[in-house]
Amino acid sequence: FNDDIQGTATVALAGIFASLRASGKKLTDHTFLF
């Protein structure tokens, strides 16, 4: 695996999942801008 592509993606998505609990929103409620 490539850590810069896939490891970074995993930790960022984990942060988003954790944020869902904090924000009370579902994943489908979000629009993402990079």
ModelCIF file with pLDDT and N, C-alpha, C, O atoms, coordinates in Angstrom:
data_MODEL
#
_entry.id   MODEL 
#
_entity.id                         1 
_entity.type                       polymer 
_entity.pdbx_number_of_molecules   1 
#
_entity_poly.entity_id                      1 
_entity_poly.type                           'polypeptide(L)' 
_entity_poly.nstd_linkage                   no 
_entity_poly.nstd_monomer                   no 
_entity_poly.pdbx_seq_one_letter_code       FNDDIQGTATVALAGIFASLRASGKKLTDHTFLF 
_entity_poly.pdbx_seq_one_letter_code_can   FNDDIQGTATVALAGIFASLRASGKKLTDHTFLF 
_entity_poly.pdbx_strand_id                 A 
#
loop_
_entity_poly_seq.entity_id 
_entity_poly_seq.num 
_entity_poly_seq.mon_id 
_entity_poly_seq.hetero 
1 1  PHE n 
1 2  ASN n 
1 3  ASP n 
1 4  ASP n 
1 5  ILE n 
1 6  GLN n 
1 7  GLY n 
1 8  THR n 
1 9  ALA n 
1 10 THR n 
1 11 VAL n 
1 12 ALA n 
1 13 LEU n 
1 14 ALA n 
1 15 GLY n 
1 16 ILE n 
1 17 PHE n 
1 18 ALA n 
1 19 SER n 
1 20 LEU n 
1 21 ARG n 
1 22 ALA n 
1 23 SER n 
1 24 GLY n 
1 25 LYS n 
1 26 LYS n 
1 27 LEU n 
1 28 THR n 
1 29 ASP n 
1 30 HIS n 
1 31 THR n 
1 32 PHE n 
1 33 LEU n 
1 34 PHE n 
#
_struct_asym.id          A 
_struct_asym.entity_id   1 
#
loop_
_ma_qa_metric.id 
_ma_qa_metric.mode 
_ma_qa_metric.name 
_ma_qa_metric.software_group_id 
_ma_qa_metric.type 
1 global pLDDT . pLDDT 
2 local  pLDDT . pLDDT 
#
_ma_qa_metric_global.metric_id      1 
_ma_qa_metric_global.metric_value   94.29 
_ma_qa_metric_global.model_id       1 
_ma_qa_metric_global.ordinal_id     1 
#
loop_
_ma_qa_metric_local.label_asym_id 
_ma_qa_metric_local.label_comp_id 
_ma_qa_metric_local.label_seq_id 
_ma_qa_metric_local.metric_id 
_ma_qa_metric_local.metric_value 
_ma_qa_metric_local.model_id 
_ma_qa_metric_local.ordinal_id 
A PHE 1  2 97.00 1 1  
A ASN 2  2 96.00 1 2  
A ASP 3  2 94.00 1 3  
A ASP 4  2 91.00 1 4  
A ILE 5  2 92.00 1 5  
A GLN 6  2 96.00 1 6  
A GLY 7  2 95.00 1 7  
A THR 8  2 93.00 1 8  
A ALA 9  2 95.00 1 9  
A THR 10 2 97.00 1 10 
A VAL 11 2 96.00 1 11 
A ALA 12 2 96.00 1 12 
A LEU 13 2 97.00 1 13 
A ALA 14 2 96.00 1 14 
A GLY 15 2 95.00 1 15 
A ILE 16 2 96.00 1 16 
A PHE 17 2 96.00 1 17 
A ALA 18 2 94.00 1 18 
A SER 19 2 93.00 1 19 
A LEU 20 2 93.00 1 20 
A ARG 21 2 89.00 1 21 
A ALA 22 2 86.00 1 22 
A SER 23 2 85.00 1 23 
A GLY 24 2 86.00 1 24 
A LYS 25 2 91.00 1 25 
A LYS 26 2 95.00 1 26 
A LEU 27 2 96.00 1 27 
A THR 28 2 96.00 1 28 
A ASP 29 2 96.00 1 29 
A HIS 30 2 97.00 1 30 
A THR 31 2 97.00 1 31 
A PHE 32 2 98.00 1 32 
A LEU 33 2 98.00 1 33 
A PHE 34 2 98.00 1 34 
#
loop_
_atom_site.group_PDB 
_atom_site.id 
_atom_site.type_symbol 
_atom_site.label_atom_id 
_atom_site.label_alt_id 
_atom_site.label_comp_id 
_atom_site.label_asym_id 
_atom_site.label_entity_id 
_atom_site.label_seq_id 
_atom_site.pdbx_PDB_ins_code 
_atom_site.Cartn_x 
_atom_site.Cartn_y 
_atom_site.Cartn_z 
_atom_site.occupancy 
_atom_site.B_iso_or_equiv 
_atom_site.pdbx_formal_charge 
_atom_site.auth_seq_id 
_atom_site.auth_comp_id 
_atom_site.auth_asym_id 
_atom_site.auth_atom_id 
_atom_site.pdbx_PDB_model_num 
ATOM 1   N N  . PHE A 1 1  ? 0.849   -1.193 0.000  1.00 97.00 ? 1  PHE A N  1 
ATOM 2   C CA . PHE A 1 1  ? 0.000   0.000  0.000  1.00 97.00 ? 1  PHE A CA 1 
ATOM 3   C C  . PHE A 1 1  ? 0.882   1.240  0.000  1.00 97.00 ? 1  PHE A C  1 
ATOM 4   O O  . PHE A 1 1  ? 2.069   1.177  0.319  1.00 97.00 ? 1  PHE A O  1 
ATOM 5   N N  . ASN A 1 2  ? 0.277   2.372  -0.365 1.00 96.00 ? 2  ASN A N  1 
ATOM 6   C CA . ASN A 1 2  ? 0.998   3.644  -0.366 1.00 96.00 ? 2  ASN A CA 1 
ATOM 7   C C  . ASN A 1 2  ? 0.478   4.485  0.776  1.00 96.00 ? 2  ASN A C  1 
ATOM 8   O O  . ASN A 1 2  ? -0.692  4.866  0.792  1.00 96.00 ? 2  ASN A O  1 
ATOM 9   N N  . ASP A 1 3  ? 1.339   4.774  1.730  1.00 94.00 ? 3  ASP A N  1 
ATOM 10  C CA . ASP A 1 3  ? 0.895   5.471  2.939  1.00 94.00 ? 3  ASP A CA 1 
ATOM 11  C C  . ASP A 1 3  ? 0.437   6.901  2.655  1.00 94.00 ? 3  ASP A C  1 
ATOM 12  O O  . ASP A 1 3  ? -0.514  7.374  3.278  1.00 94.00 ? 3  ASP A O  1 
ATOM 13  N N  . ASP A 1 4  ? 1.090   7.591  1.733  1.00 91.00 ? 4  ASP A N  1 
ATOM 14  C CA . ASP A 1 4  ? 0.741   8.985  1.451  1.00 91.00 ? 4  ASP A CA 1 
ATOM 15  C C  . ASP A 1 4  ? -0.634  9.098  0.793  1.00 91.00 ? 4  ASP A C  1 
ATOM 16  O O  . ASP A 1 4  ? -1.349  10.079 1.000  1.00 91.00 ? 4  ASP A O  1 
ATOM 17  N N  . ILE A 1 5  ? -0.995  8.098  0.006  1.00 92.00 ? 5  ILE A N  1 
ATOM 18  C CA . ILE A 1 5  ? -2.319  8.101  -0.634 1.00 92.00 ? 5  ILE A CA 1 
ATOM 19  C C  . ILE A 1 5  ? -3.346  7.463  0.299  1.00 92.00 ? 5  ILE A C  1 
ATOM 20  O O  . ILE A 1 5  ? -4.360  8.076  0.631  1.00 92.00 ? 5  ILE A O  1 
ATOM 21  N N  . GLN A 1 6  ? -3.072  6.220  0.722  1.00 96.00 ? 6  GLN A N  1 
ATOM 22  C CA . GLN A 1 6  ? -4.089  5.431  1.415  1.00 96.00 ? 6  GLN A CA 1 
ATOM 23  C C  . GLN A 1 6  ? -4.082  5.618  2.938  1.00 96.00 ? 6  GLN A C  1 
ATOM 24  O O  . GLN A 1 6  ? -5.139  5.614  3.568  1.00 96.00 ? 6  GLN A O  1 
ATOM 25  N N  . GLY A 1 7  ? -2.893  5.780  3.525  1.00 95.00 ? 7  GLY A N  1 
ATOM 26  C CA . GLY A 1 7  ? -2.815  6.034  4.965  1.00 95.00 ? 7  GLY A CA 1 
ATOM 27  C C  . GLY A 1 7  ? -3.402  7.393  5.315  1.00 95.00 ? 7  GLY A C  1 
ATOM 28  O O  . GLY A 1 7  ? -4.171  7.519  6.268  1.00 95.00 ? 7  GLY A O  1 
ATOM 29  N N  . THR A 1 8  ? -3.039  8.404  4.542  1.00 93.00 ? 8  THR A N  1 
ATOM 30  C CA . THR A 1 8  ? -3.580  9.754  4.754  1.00 93.00 ? 8  THR A CA 1 
ATOM 31  C C  . THR A 1 8  ? -5.095  9.741  4.586  1.00 93.00 ? 8  THR A C  1 
ATOM 32  O O  . THR A 1 8  ? -5.824  10.352 5.368  1.00 93.00 ? 8  THR A O  1 
ATOM 33  N N  . ALA A 1 9  ? -5.559  9.035  3.555  1.00 95.00 ? 9  ALA A N  1 
ATOM 34  C CA . ALA A 1 9  ? -7.006  8.949  3.309  1.00 95.00 ? 9  ALA A CA 1 
ATOM 35  C C  . ALA A 1 9  ? -7.722  8.325  4.498  1.00 95.00 ? 9  ALA A C  1 
ATOM 36  O O  . ALA A 1 9  ? -8.790  8.787  4.900  1.00 95.00 ? 9  ALA A O  1 
ATOM 37  N N  . THR A 1 10 ? -7.135  7.283  5.055  1.00 97.00 ? 10 THR A N  1 
ATOM 38  C CA . THR A 1 10 ? -7.771  6.553  6.151  1.00 97.00 ? 10 THR A CA 1 
ATOM 39  C C  . THR A 1 10 ? -7.882  7.405  7.408  1.00 97.00 ? 10 THR A C  1 
ATOM 40  O O  . THR A 1 10 ? -8.932  7.435  8.050  1.00 97.00 ? 10 THR A O  1 
ATOM 41  N N  . VAL A 1 11 ? -6.811  8.090  7.758  1.00 96.00 ? 11 VAL A N  1 
ATOM 42  C CA . VAL A 1 11 ? -6.845  8.902  8.985  1.00 96.00 ? 11 VAL A CA 1 
ATOM 43  C C  . VAL A 1 11 ? -7.785  10.097 8.803  1.00 96.00 ? 11 VAL A C  1 
ATOM 44  O O  . VAL A 1 11 ? -8.461  10.498 9.750  1.00 96.00 ? 11 VAL A O  1 
ATOM 45  N N  . ALA A 1 12 ? -7.835  10.668 7.599  1.00 96.00 ? 12 ALA A N  1 
ATOM 46  C CA . ALA A 1 12 ? -8.747  11.790 7.342  1.00 96.00 ? 12 ALA A CA 1 
ATOM 47  C C  . ALA A 1 12 ? -10.198 11.329 7.399  1.00 96.00 ? 12 ALA A C  1 
ATOM 48  O O  . ALA A 1 12 ? -11.049 12.013 7.968  1.00 96.00 ? 12 ALA A O  1 
ATOM 49  N N  . LEU A 1 13 ? -10.482 10.158 6.805  1.00 97.00 ? 13 LEU A N  1 
ATOM 50  C CA . LEU A 1 13 ? -11.857 9.637  6.847  1.00 97.00 ? 13 LEU A CA 1 
ATOM 51  C C  . LEU A 1 13 ? -12.260 9.290  8.280  1.00 97.00 ? 13 LEU A C  1 
ATOM 52  O O  . LEU A 1 13 ? -13.409 9.502  8.669  1.00 97.00 ? 13 LEU A O  1 
ATOM 53  N N  . ALA A 1 14 ? -11.326 8.760  9.060  1.00 96.00 ? 14 ALA A N  1 
ATOM 54  C CA . ALA A 1 14 ? -11.610 8.493  10.480 1.00 96.00 ? 14 ALA A CA 1 
ATOM 55  C C  . ALA A 1 14 ? -11.993 9.795  11.191 1.00 96.00 ? 14 ALA A C  1 
ATOM 56  O O  . ALA A 1 14 ? -12.907 9.820  12.015 1.00 96.00 ? 14 ALA A O  1 
ATOM 57  N N  . GLY A 1 15 ? -11.276 10.875 10.857 1.00 95.00 ? 15 GLY A N  1 
ATOM 58  C CA . GLY A 1 15 ? -11.598 12.184 11.432 1.00 95.00 ? 15 GLY A CA 1 
ATOM 59  C C  . GLY A 1 15 ? -12.988 12.646 11.040 1.00 95.00 ? 15 GLY A C  1 
ATOM 60  O O  . GLY A 1 15 ? -13.712 13.226 11.850 1.00 95.00 ? 15 GLY A O  1 
ATOM 61  N N  . ILE A 1 16 ? -13.357 12.387 9.796  1.00 96.00 ? 16 ILE A N  1 
ATOM 62  C CA . ILE A 1 16 ? -14.703 12.763 9.323  1.00 96.00 ? 16 ILE A CA 1 
ATOM 63  C C  . ILE A 1 16 ? -15.768 11.927 10.038 1.00 96.00 ? 16 ILE A C  1 
ATOM 64  O O  . ILE A 1 16 ? -16.793 12.459 10.462 1.00 96.00 ? 16 ILE A O  1 
ATOM 65  N N  . PHE A 1 17 ? -15.523 10.611 10.171 1.00 96.00 ? 17 PHE A N  1 
ATOM 66  C CA . PHE A 1 17 ? -16.471 9.747  10.902 1.00 96.00 ? 17 PHE A CA 1 
ATOM 67  C C  . PHE A 1 17 ? -16.648 10.235 12.347 1.00 96.00 ? 17 PHE A C  1 
ATOM 68  O O  . PHE A 1 17 ? -17.764 10.296 12.862 1.00 96.00 ? 17 PHE A O  1 
ATOM 69  N N  . ALA A 1 18 ? -15.531 10.579 12.984 1.00 94.00 ? 18 ALA A N  1 
ATOM 70  C CA . ALA A 1 18 ? -15.603 11.085 14.367 1.00 94.00 ? 18 ALA A CA 1 
ATOM 71  C C  . ALA A 1 18 ? -16.354 12.417 14.411 1.00 94.00 ? 18 ALA A C  1 
ATOM 72  O O  . ALA A 1 18 ? -17.086 12.698 15.360 1.00 94.00 ? 18 ALA A O  1 
ATOM 73  N N  . SER A 1 19 ? -16.164 13.234 13.366 1.00 93.00 ? 19 SER A N  1 
ATOM 74  C CA . SER A 1 19 ? -16.850 14.533 13.289 1.00 93.00 ? 19 SER A CA 1 
ATOM 75  C C  . SER A 1 19 ? -18.361 14.377 13.159 1.00 93.00 ? 19 SER A C  1 
ATOM 76  O O  . SER A 1 19 ? -19.118 15.238 13.607 1.00 93.00 ? 19 SER A O  1 
ATOM 77  N N  . LEU A 1 20 ? -18.798 13.279 12.547 1.00 93.00 ? 20 LEU A N  1 
ATOM 78  C CA . LEU A 1 20 ? -20.243 13.054 12.390 1.00 93.00 ? 20 LEU A CA 1 
ATOM 79  C C  . LEU A 1 20 ? -20.919 12.972 13.756 1.00 93.00 ? 20 LEU A C  1 
ATOM 80  O O  . LEU A 1 20 ? -22.021 13.486 13.949 1.00 93.00 ? 20 LEU A O  1 
ATOM 81  N N  . ARG A 1 21 ? -20.240 12.317 14.701 1.00 89.00 ? 21 ARG A N  1 
ATOM 82  C CA . ARG A 1 21 ? -20.798 12.227 16.055 1.00 89.00 ? 21 ARG A CA 1 
ATOM 83  C C  . ARG A 1 21 ? -20.852 13.606 16.706 1.00 89.00 ? 21 ARG A C  1 
ATOM 84  O O  . ARG A 1 21 ? -21.816 13.950 17.390 1.00 89.00 ? 21 ARG A O  1 
ATOM 85  N N  . ALA A 1 22 ? -19.797 14.387 16.478 1.00 86.00 ? 22 ALA A N  1 
ATOM 86  C CA . ALA A 1 22 ? -19.712 15.714 17.096 1.00 86.00 ? 22 ALA A CA 1 
ATOM 87  C C  . ALA A 1 22 ? -20.707 16.701 16.471 1.00 86.00 ? 22 ALA A C  1 
ATOM 88  O O  . ALA A 1 22 ? -21.214 17.598 17.144 1.00 86.00 ? 22 ALA A O  1 
ATOM 89  N N  . SER A 1 23 ? -20.977 16.517 15.166 1.00 85.00 ? 23 SER A N  1 
ATOM 90  C CA . SER A 1 23 ? -21.842 17.482 14.472 1.00 85.00 ? 23 SER A CA 1 
ATOM 91  C C  . SER A 1 23 ? -23.297 17.033 14.405 1.00 85.00 ? 23 SER A C  1 
ATOM 92  O O  . SER A 1 23 ? -24.192 17.824 14.107 1.00 85.00 ? 23 SER A O  1 
ATOM 93  N N  . GLY A 1 24 ? -23.518 15.750 14.687 1.00 86.00 ? 24 GLY A N  1 
ATOM 94  C CA . GLY A 1 24 ? -24.892 15.238 14.636 1.00 86.00 ? 24 GLY A CA 1 
ATOM 95  C C  . GLY A 1 24 ? -25.427 15.097 13.220 1.00 86.00 ? 24 GLY A C  1 
ATOM 96  O O  . GLY A 1 24 ? -26.638 14.991 13.023 1.00 86.00 ? 24 GLY A O  1 
ATOM 97  N N  . LYS A 1 25 ? -24.529 15.094 12.222 1.00 91.00 ? 25 LYS A N  1 
ATOM 98  C CA . LYS A 1 25 ? -24.952 14.973 10.825 1.00 91.00 ? 25 LYS A CA 1 
ATOM 99  C C  . LYS A 1 25 ? -24.580 13.598 10.270 1.00 91.00 ? 25 LYS A C  1 
ATOM 100 O O  . LYS A 1 25 ? -23.744 12.882 10.821 1.00 91.00 ? 25 LYS A O  1 
ATOM 101 N N  . LYS A 1 26 ? -25.234 13.259 9.158  1.00 95.00 ? 26 LYS A N  1 
ATOM 102 C CA . LYS A 1 26 ? -24.891 12.023 8.446  1.00 95.00 ? 26 LYS A CA 1 
ATOM 103 C C  . LYS A 1 26 ? -23.842 12.346 7.380  1.00 95.00 ? 26 LYS A C  1 
ATOM 104 O O  . LYS A 1 26 ? -23.650 13.506 7.015  1.00 95.00 ? 26 LYS A O  1 
ATOM 105 N N  . LEU A 1 27 ? -23.173 11.312 6.893  1.00 96.00 ? 27 LEU A N  1 
ATOM 106 C CA . LEU A 1 27 ? -22.153 11.511 5.862  1.00 96.00 ? 27 LEU A CA 1 
ATOM 107 C C  . LEU A 1 27 ? -22.762 12.132 4.604  1.00 96.00 ? 27 LEU A C  1 
ATOM 108 O O  . LEU A 1 27 ? -22.127 12.939 3.925  1.00 96.00 ? 27 LEU A O  1 
ATOM 109 N N  . THR A 1 28 ? -24.004 11.743 4.307  1.00 96.00 ? 28 THR A N  1 
ATOM 110 C CA . THR A 1 28 ? -24.675 12.248 3.104  1.00 96.00 ? 28 THR A CA 1 
ATOM 111 C C  . THR A 1 28 ? -25.083 13.717 3.229  1.00 96.00 ? 28 THR A C  1 
ATOM 112 O O  . THR A 1 28 ? -25.447 14.342 2.233  1.00 96.00 ? 28 THR A O  1 
ATOM 113 N N  . ASP A 1 29 ? -25.026 14.271 4.433  1.00 96.00 ? 29 ASP A N  1 
ATOM 114 C CA . ASP A 1 29 ? -25.359 15.696 4.630  1.00 96.00 ? 29 ASP A CA 1 
ATOM 115 C C  . ASP A 1 29 ? -24.196 16.609 4.252  1.00 96.00 ? 29 ASP A C  1 
ATOM 116 O O  . ASP A 1 29 ? -24.343 17.831 4.227  1.00 96.00 ? 29 ASP A O  1 
ATOM 117 N N  . HIS A 1 30 ? -23.039 16.014 3.957  1.00 97.00 ? 30 HIS A N  1 
ATOM 118 C CA . HIS A 1 30 ? -21.829 16.821 3.781  1.00 97.00 ? 30 HIS A CA 1 
ATOM 119 C C  . HIS A 1 30 ? -21.458 17.055 2.318  1.00 97.00 ? 30 HIS A C  1 
ATOM 120 O O  . HIS A 1 30 ? -21.708 16.226 1.443  1.00 97.00 ? 30 HIS A O  1 
ATOM 121 N N  . THR A 1 31 ? -20.852 18.219 2.093  1.00 97.00 ? 31 THR A N  1 
ATOM 122 C CA . THR A 1 31 ? -20.210 18.547 0.817  1.00 97.00 ? 31 THR A CA 1 
ATOM 123 C C  . THR A 1 31 ? -18.749 18.841 1.132  1.00 97.00 ? 31 THR A C  1 
ATOM 124 O O  . THR A 1 31 ? -18.451 19.654 2.007  1.00 97.00 ? 31 THR A O  1 
ATOM 125 N N  . PHE A 1 32 ? -17.838 18.183 0.424  1.00 98.00 ? 32 PHE A N  1 
ATOM 126 C CA . PHE A 1 32 ? -16.414 18.256 0.734  1.00 98.00 ? 32 PHE A CA 1 
ATOM 127 C C  . PHE A 1 32 ? -15.675 19.105 -0.287 1.00 98.00 ? 32 PHE A C  1 
ATOM 128 O O  . PHE A 1 32 ? -15.855 18.940 -1.493 1.00 98.00 ? 32 PHE A O  1 
ATOM 129 N N  . LEU A 1 33 ? -14.843 20.013 0.205  1.00 98.00 ? 33 LEU A N  1 
ATOM 130 C CA . LEU A 1 33 ? -13.989 20.822 -0.669 1.00 98.00 ? 33 LEU A CA 1 
ATOM 131 C C  . LEU A 1 33 ? -12.539 20.644 -0.236 1.00 98.00 ? 33 LEU A C  1 
ATOM 132 O O  . LEU A 1 33 ? -12.197 20.836 0.931  1.00 98.00 ? 33 LEU A O  1 
ATOM 133 N N  . PHE A 1 34 ? -11.701 20.280 -1.185 1.00 98.00 ? 34 PHE A N  1 
ATOM 134 C CA . PHE A 1 34 ? -10.274 20.086 -0.914 1.00 98.00 ? 34 PHE A CA 1 
ATOM 135 C C  . PHE A 1 34 ? -9.472  21.264 -1.436 1.00 98.00 ? 34 PHE A C  1 
ATOM 136 O O  . PHE A 1 34 ? -8.248  21.286 -1.302 1.00 98.00 ? 34 PHE A O  1 
#
